Amino acid sequence: METNNAFPQTARSRVVMFLLLCLGLIFFAAVAYRVENPSIVQHEERQEMPSVGGMDKMGDMAGVTSMMKKLQENPEDVDAMRALGMTFMDMQAWDKAMSFWDMVLQKNENDVMALNQKGFCLFELEKYAEAAELFERMLTVEKQNFHAHYNLGVIYKHYLAQPDKAAVHFQAVLDAAPDDPELMGSAKRELEGK
């Protein structure tokens, strides 16, 4: 059987090496980007979401419609507000999610979960100063909330150009020593890179 030598073995091996090199560069660039542009953490207290008709349908529009109807029938249903807020966050519909976190905060202005989730939405909408205000409010309710401290550190260091304020919050995370090795490592790296 005769083979086609239009693309010799040495050329094939060079192409493969070139592709592997490109793949390596892409991986390195992704890691470097993540190190240079850290993200805040989204701490959510996952609760059992109310199910609709015996089945959890929050992933589809019928579930959203059902939860909206439930909230319309009982405007005081904080669990429905939370479920809808989380659902719209999962859809990355930040403005819509914020409307439900605002509803929760109207019921209880010190609701730590609602403050955190609304702060996360504001961060995603690139409203960094407003997000920082909410995380600061969280600390008036829970002074040792290490997620709020970490989020404030990231915002102050990378988005509001206030490295001294950031250092205080990263140090607070390290001082709290939460059982979260990834968060501890991130806070330490951020503090050392001041």
Protein backbone atom coordinates (compact mmCIF):
# COMPACT_ATOMS: atom_id res chain seq x y z
CA MET A 1 0.00 0.00 0.00
CA GLU A 2 1.34 3.39 -0.95
CA THR A 3 1.19 6.33 1.52
CA ASN A 4 0.87 9.98 0.67
CA ASN A 5 4.01 11.89 1.63
CA ALA A 6 2.57 15.33 0.91
CA PHE A 7 2.83 16.03 4.65
CA PRO A 8 6.08 14.45 5.87
CA GLN A 9 6.52 13.04 9.39
CA THR A 10 8.83 15.88 10.50
CA ALA A 11 6.27 18.49 9.49
CA ARG A 12 3.54 16.58 11.35
CA SER A 13 5.62 16.44 14.52
CA ARG A 14 6.35 20.19 14.26
CA VAL A 15 2.64 20.94 13.93
CA VAL A 16 1.85 18.77 16.96
CA MET A 17 4.59 20.49 19.00
CA PHE A 18 3.31 23.89 17.90
CA LEU A 19 -0.25 23.01 18.94
CA LEU A 20 0.95 21.72 22.31
CA LEU A 21 2.93 24.93 22.83
CA CYS A 22 -0.18 27.00 21.98
CA LEU A 23 -2.26 24.98 24.42
CA GLY A 24 0.35 25.52 27.13
CA LEU A 25 0.38 29.27 26.47
CA ILE A 26 -3.41 29.44 26.68
CA PHE A 27 -3.37 27.58 30.01
CA PHE A 28 -0.62 29.86 31.36
CA ALA A 29 -2.50 32.98 30.24
CA ALA A 30 -5.70 31.77 31.95
CA VAL A 31 -3.88 31.14 35.23
CA ALA A 32 -2.06 34.48 35.01
CA TYR A 33 -5.33 36.30 34.35
CA ARG A 34 -7.01 34.71 37.36
CA VAL A 35 -4.07 35.64 39.59
CA GLU A 36 -4.12 39.23 38.35
CA ASN A 37 -7.92 39.56 38.45
CA PRO A 38 -9.25 37.76 41.50
CA SER A 39 -12.95 37.47 42.07
CA ILE A 40 -14.90 37.96 45.24
CA VAL A 41 -16.41 34.95 46.92
CA GLN A 42 -20.11 34.34 46.92
CA HIS A 43 -21.05 32.89 50.26
CA GLU A 44 -24.55 31.60 50.23
CA GLU A 45 -26.38 29.73 52.88
CA ARG A 46 -28.01 27.06 50.79
CA GLN A 47 -31.37 26.31 52.22
CA GLU A 48 -33.90 23.81 51.06
CA MET A 49 -35.65 25.64 48.25
CA PRO A 50 -39.41 25.43 48.34
CA SER A 51 -40.53 22.89 45.80
CA VAL A 52 -43.42 23.34 43.48
CA GLY A 53 -46.00 20.58 43.14
CA GLY A 54 -43.77 18.08 44.92
CA MET A 55 -40.96 18.53 42.39
CA ASP A 56 -38.16 21.08 42.38
CA LYS A 57 -38.83 23.09 39.23
CA MET A 58 -36.69 26.17 39.95
CA GLY A 59 -34.49 25.41 36.97
CA ASP A 60 -37.19 26.15 34.44
CA MET A 61 -39.49 29.08 33.77
CA ALA A 62 -42.53 27.18 35.04
CA GLY A 63 -40.84 27.01 38.44
CA VAL A 64 -40.03 30.72 38.38
CA THR A 65 -43.61 31.53 37.37
CA SER A 66 -44.93 29.33 40.15
CA MET A 67 -42.67 30.96 42.76
CA MET A 68 -43.69 34.43 41.51
CA LYS A 69 -47.35 33.44 41.89
CA LYS A 70 -46.63 32.14 45.38
CA LEU A 71 -44.98 35.45 46.29
CA GLN A 72 -47.88 37.39 44.80
CA GLU A 73 -50.31 35.42 46.93
CA ASN A 74 -48.18 35.94 50.04
CA PRO A 75 -46.02 39.08 49.75
CA GLU A 76 -44.48 38.30 53.17
CA ASP A 77 -42.94 34.98 52.00
CA VAL A 78 -39.23 35.61 52.57
CA ASP A 79 -38.34 32.06 51.52
CA ALA A 80 -39.90 32.68 48.10
CA MET A 81 -37.97 35.97 47.82
CA ARG A 82 -34.72 34.16 48.63
CA ALA A 83 -35.48 31.34 46.20
CA LEU A 84 -36.22 33.79 43.40
CA GLY A 85 -33.12 35.86 44.23
CA MET A 86 -30.92 32.77 44.04
CA THR A 87 -32.60 31.55 40.86
CA PHE A 88 -32.04 34.85 39.05
CA MET A 89 -28.42 34.92 40.29
CA ASP A 90 -27.96 31.44 38.83
CA MET A 91 -29.25 32.88 35.56
CA GLN A 92 -26.84 35.82 35.96
CA ALA A 93 -29.80 38.21 35.83
CA TRP A 94 -28.16 40.46 38.41
CA ASP A 95 -30.67 43.36 38.30
CA LYS A 96 -33.64 41.03 38.64
CA ALA A 97 -31.97 39.12 41.48
CA MET A 98 -31.27 42.39 43.31
CA SER A 99 -34.95 43.28 43.29
CA PHE A 100 -35.66 40.17 45.39
CA TRP A 101 -32.73 40.81 47.74
CA ASP A 102 -34.10 44.36 48.18
CA MET A 103 -37.46 42.85 49.15
CA VAL A 104 -35.75 40.69 51.79
CA LEU A 105 -33.84 43.72 53.08
CA GLN A 106 -37.08 45.69 53.37
CA LYS A 107 -38.29 42.98 55.75
CA ASN A 108 -35.00 42.86 57.67
CA GLU A 109 -32.30 45.42 56.88
CA ASN A 110 -29.71 43.32 58.72
CA ASP A 111 -30.27 40.07 56.81
CA VAL A 112 -26.67 38.98 56.26
CA MET A 113 -27.45 36.62 53.40
CA ALA A 114 -29.40 39.28 51.50
CA LEU A 115 -26.65 41.86 52.08
CA ASN A 116 -24.05 39.42 50.78
CA GLN A 117 -26.02 38.34 47.74
CA LYS A 118 -26.97 41.91 46.78
CA GLY A 119 -23.32 42.92 47.23
CA PHE A 120 -22.30 40.10 44.91
CA CYS A 121 -24.85 41.27 42.30
CA LEU A 122 -23.55 44.84 42.52
CA PHE A 123 -19.99 43.55 42.09
CA GLU A 124 -21.02 41.64 38.97
CA LEU A 125 -22.63 44.83 37.64
CA GLU A 126 -19.28 46.58 38.23
CA LYS A 127 -20.77 48.86 40.90
CA TYR A 128 -17.80 48.32 43.18
CA ALA A 129 -18.29 51.21 45.63
CA GLU A 130 -21.93 50.21 46.21
CA ALA A 131 -20.92 46.58 46.68
CA ALA A 132 -18.30 47.65 49.24
CA GLU A 133 -20.97 49.58 51.17
CA LEU A 134 -23.08 46.43 51.50
CA PHE A 135 -20.15 44.28 52.62
CA GLU A 136 -19.28 46.99 55.17
CA ARG A 137 -22.91 46.85 56.39
CA MET A 138 -22.52 43.09 56.78
CA LEU A 139 -19.62 43.73 59.14
CA THR A 140 -21.78 45.97 61.34
CA VAL A 141 -24.08 42.95 61.79
CA GLU A 142 -21.38 40.24 61.95
CA LYS A 143 -18.01 41.78 62.78
CA GLN A 144 -16.15 38.51 62.18
CA ASN A 145 -17.72 37.63 58.82
CA PHE A 146 -14.59 36.52 56.97
CA HIS A 147 -16.38 36.35 53.60
CA ALA A 148 -17.29 40.03 53.88
CA HIS A 149 -13.70 40.84 54.90
CA TYR A 150 -12.28 38.93 51.92
CA ASN A 151 -14.72 40.51 49.46
CA LEU A 152 -13.89 43.97 50.77
CA GLY A 153 -10.17 43.20 50.46
CA VAL A 154 -10.57 42.26 46.80
CA ILE A 155 -12.75 45.27 46.00
CA TYR A 156 -10.50 47.76 47.78
CA LYS A 157 -7.28 46.33 46.33
CA HIS A 158 -8.27 45.61 42.74
CA TYR A 159 -11.22 47.86 41.98
CA LEU A 160 -11.10 50.92 44.26
CA ALA A 161 -7.29 51.34 44.48
CA GLN A 162 -7.17 51.39 48.28
CA PRO A 163 -4.52 48.80 49.15
CA ASP A 164 -4.19 49.86 52.79
CA LYS A 165 -7.90 49.26 53.44
CA ALA A 166 -7.63 45.98 51.55
CA ALA A 167 -4.74 44.80 53.73
CA VAL A 168 -6.81 45.32 56.90
CA HIS A 169 -9.57 43.08 55.54
CA PHE A 170 -7.24 40.36 54.24
CA GLN A 171 -5.53 40.33 57.66
CA ALA A 172 -8.94 39.97 59.32
CA VAL A 173 -9.55 36.83 57.25
CA LEU A 174 -6.20 35.39 58.35
CA ASP A 175 -6.90 36.33 61.97
CA ALA A 176 -10.30 34.60 61.83
CA ALA A 177 -8.58 31.45 60.51
CA PRO A 178 -11.71 29.95 58.95
CA ASP A 179 -11.78 26.28 58.04
CA ASP A 180 -11.47 27.18 54.36
CA PRO A 181 -7.92 26.51 53.11
CA GLU A 182 -8.61 27.98 49.66
CA LEU A 183 -9.90 31.26 51.11
CA MET A 184 -7.04 31.40 53.61
CA GLY A 185 -4.50 30.84 50.82
CA SER A 186 -6.09 33.50 48.65
CA ALA A 187 -6.13 36.04 51.48
CA LYS A 188 -2.49 35.29 52.29
CA ARG A 189 -1.42 35.70 48.64
CA GLU A 190 -3.37 38.96 48.36
CA LEU A 191 -1.80 40.29 51.55
CA GLU A 192 1.72 39.32 50.51
CA GLY A 193 1.21 40.89 47.08
CA LYS A 194 0.24 44.24 48.63
